[in-house]
Amino acid sequence: MRGIDKSGVLITGGCGDIGLAVARRFLQAGARVMLADVMNLEKGAALLKKKLNSRNAGFVCQAQWIDEQWPFAENLLIAE
């Protein structure tokens, strides 16, 4: 993947096998990733740490609460 270094990516269904695989590819290309899923925050954060272990993918949320959590996610997704 070219041209996405330091880009922000939102992946819905991100805690499933396919979502995690997509997240890995974006991370390898230098993007910052936010995963959204219906998994609770504690389980999602543990899964993220175990499967991706990247400081550029440090946010997992319950998809139904994304409006409340978006301000925090913007810091990850918007280029500095």
C-alpha atoms as a PDB file:
ATOM      1  CA  MET A   1       0.000   0.000   0.000  1.00  0.00           C
ATOM      2  CA  ARG A   2       1.492   3.285  -1.041  1.00  0.00           C
ATOM      3  CA  GLY A   3       0.691   6.806   0.047  1.00  0.00           C
ATOM      4  CA  ILE A   4      -0.942   6.024   3.384  1.00  0.00           C
ATOM      5  CA  ASP A   5       2.002   6.587   5.700  1.00  0.00           C
ATOM      6  CA  LYS A   6       0.745   8.555   8.731  1.00  0.00           C
ATOM      7  CA  SER A   7      -2.856   8.412   7.473  1.00  0.00           C
ATOM      8  CA  GLY A   8      -5.707   7.650   9.861  1.00  0.00           C
ATOM      9  CA  VAL A   9      -7.844   4.568   9.228  1.00  0.00           C
ATOM     10  CA  LEU A  10     -11.122   3.526  10.871  1.00  0.00           C
ATOM     11  CA  ILE A  11     -11.912  -0.196  10.631  1.00  0.00           C
ATOM     12  CA  THR A  12     -15.394  -1.314  11.642  1.00  0.00           C
ATOM     13  CA  GLY A  13     -15.661  -4.913  12.817  1.00  0.00           C
ATOM     14  CA  GLY A  14     -12.000  -4.468  13.640  1.00  0.00           C
ATOM     15  CA  CYS A  15     -11.768  -7.088  16.401  1.00  0.00           C
ATOM     16  CA  GLY A  16     -12.620  -9.989  14.103  1.00  0.00           C
ATOM     17  CA  ASP A  17     -10.039 -12.001  12.172  1.00  0.00           C
ATOM     18  CA  ILE A  18     -10.486 -10.064   8.930  1.00  0.00           C
ATOM     19  CA  GLY A  19     -10.535  -6.673  10.660  1.00  0.00           C
ATOM     20  CA  LEU A  20      -7.330  -7.488  12.546  1.00  0.00           C
ATOM     21  CA  ALA A  21      -5.653  -8.688   9.341  1.00  0.00           C
ATOM     22  CA  VAL A  22      -6.614  -5.454   7.576  1.00  0.00           C
ATOM     23  CA  ALA A  23      -5.364  -3.443  10.563  1.00  0.00           C
ATOM     24  CA  ARG A  24      -2.007  -5.261  10.437  1.00  0.00           C
ATOM     25  CA  ARG A  25      -1.564  -4.373   6.760  1.00  0.00           C
ATOM     26  CA  PHE A  26      -2.359  -0.700   7.358  1.00  0.00           C
ATOM     27  CA  LEU A  27       0.001  -0.608  10.344  1.00  0.00           C
ATOM     28  CA  GLN A  28       2.779  -2.180   8.273  1.00  0.00           C
ATOM     29  CA  ALA A  29       2.243   0.575   5.703  1.00  0.00           C
ATOM     30  CA  GLY A  30       2.641   3.233   8.404  1.00  0.00           C
ATOM     31  CA  ALA A  31      -0.988   4.226   9.015  1.00  0.00           C
ATOM     32  CA  ARG A  32      -2.595   4.872  12.389  1.00  0.00           C
ATOM     33  CA  VAL A  33      -5.580   2.616  13.014  1.00  0.00           C
ATOM     34  CA  MET A  34      -8.759   2.846  15.068  1.00  0.00           C
ATOM     35  CA  LEU A  35     -10.776  -0.330  15.483  1.00  0.00           C
ATOM     36  CA  ALA A  36     -14.514  -0.143  16.126  1.00  0.00           C
ATOM     37  CA  ASP A  37     -16.457  -3.208  17.235  1.00  0.00           C
ATOM     38  CA  VAL A  38     -19.261  -4.262  19.565  1.00  0.00           C
ATOM     39  CA  MET A  39     -16.768  -5.911  21.925  1.00  0.00           C
ATOM     40  CA  ASN A  40     -16.537  -4.230  25.331  1.00  0.00           C
ATOM     41  CA  LEU A  41     -13.613  -1.898  25.938  1.00  0.00           C
ATOM     42  CA  GLU A  42     -11.640  -4.183  28.260  1.00  0.00           C
ATOM     43  CA  LYS A  43     -11.794  -7.209  25.953  1.00  0.00           C
ATOM     44  CA  GLY A  44     -11.116  -5.076  22.900  1.00  0.00           C
ATOM     45  CA  ALA A  45      -8.085  -3.400  24.464  1.00  0.00           C
ATOM     46  CA  ALA A  46      -6.673  -6.772  25.565  1.00  0.00           C
ATOM     47  CA  LEU A  47      -7.198  -8.229  22.092  1.00  0.00           C
ATOM     48  CA  LEU A  48      -5.582  -5.206  20.471  1.00  0.00           C
ATOM     49  CA  LYS A  49      -2.518  -5.491  22.694  1.00  0.00           C
ATOM     50  CA  LYS A  50      -2.204  -9.243  22.165  1.00  0.00           C
ATOM     51  CA  LYS A  51      -2.798  -9.336  18.403  1.00  0.00           C
ATOM     52  CA  LEU A  52      -1.415  -6.016  17.129  1.00  0.00           C
ATOM     53  CA  ASN A  53       0.853  -4.662  19.895  1.00  0.00           C
ATOM     54  CA  SER A  54       1.309  -1.312  18.180  1.00  0.00           C
ATOM     55  CA  ARG A  55       1.233   2.162  19.666  1.00  0.00           C
ATOM     56  CA  ASN A  56      -0.364   3.332  16.405  1.00  0.00           C
ATOM     57  CA  ALA A  57      -3.432   1.181  17.097  1.00  0.00           C
ATOM     58  CA  GLY A  58      -4.180   2.195  20.631  1.00  0.00           C
ATOM     59  CA  PHE A  59      -7.933   2.652  20.565  1.00  0.00           C
ATOM     60  CA  VAL A  60     -10.784   0.168  20.546  1.00  0.00           C
ATOM     61  CA  CYS A  61     -14.408   1.117  21.138  1.00  0.00           C
ATOM     62  CA  GLN A  62     -17.888  -0.280  21.213  1.00  0.00           C
ATOM     63  CA  ALA A  63     -19.359   0.766  17.885  1.00  0.00           C
ATOM     64  CA  GLN A  64     -22.638   1.933  19.399  1.00  0.00           C
ATOM     65  CA  TRP A  65     -20.745   4.508  21.492  1.00  0.00           C
ATOM     66  CA  ILE A  66     -18.586   5.909  18.713  1.00  0.00           C
ATOM     67  CA  ASP A  67     -20.235   9.357  18.886  1.00  0.00           C
ATOM     68  CA  GLU A  68     -19.141   9.717  22.511  1.00  0.00           C
ATOM     69  CA  GLN A  69     -15.651   8.386  21.849  1.00  0.00           C
ATOM     70  CA  TRP A  70     -14.931  10.149  18.554  1.00  0.00           C
ATOM     71  CA  PRO A  71     -13.092  13.130  20.097  1.00  0.00           C
ATOM     72  CA  PHE A  72     -10.550  10.712  21.576  1.00  0.00           C
ATOM     73  CA  ALA A  73     -10.269   8.776  18.322  1.00  0.00           C
ATOM     74  CA  GLU A  74      -9.632  11.923  16.302  1.00  0.00           C
ATOM     75  CA  ASN A  75      -6.286  12.347  18.056  1.00  0.00           C
ATOM     76  CA  LEU A  76      -5.225   8.979  16.689  1.00  0.00           C
ATOM     77  CA  LEU A  77      -6.664   9.353  13.205  1.00  0.00           C
ATOM     78  CA  ILE A  78      -5.786  12.933  12.281  1.00  0.00           C
ATOM     79  CA  ALA A  79      -2.240  13.477  11.081  1.00  0.00           C
ATOM     80  CA  GLU A  80      -0.025  15.545  13.308  1.00  0.00           C
END
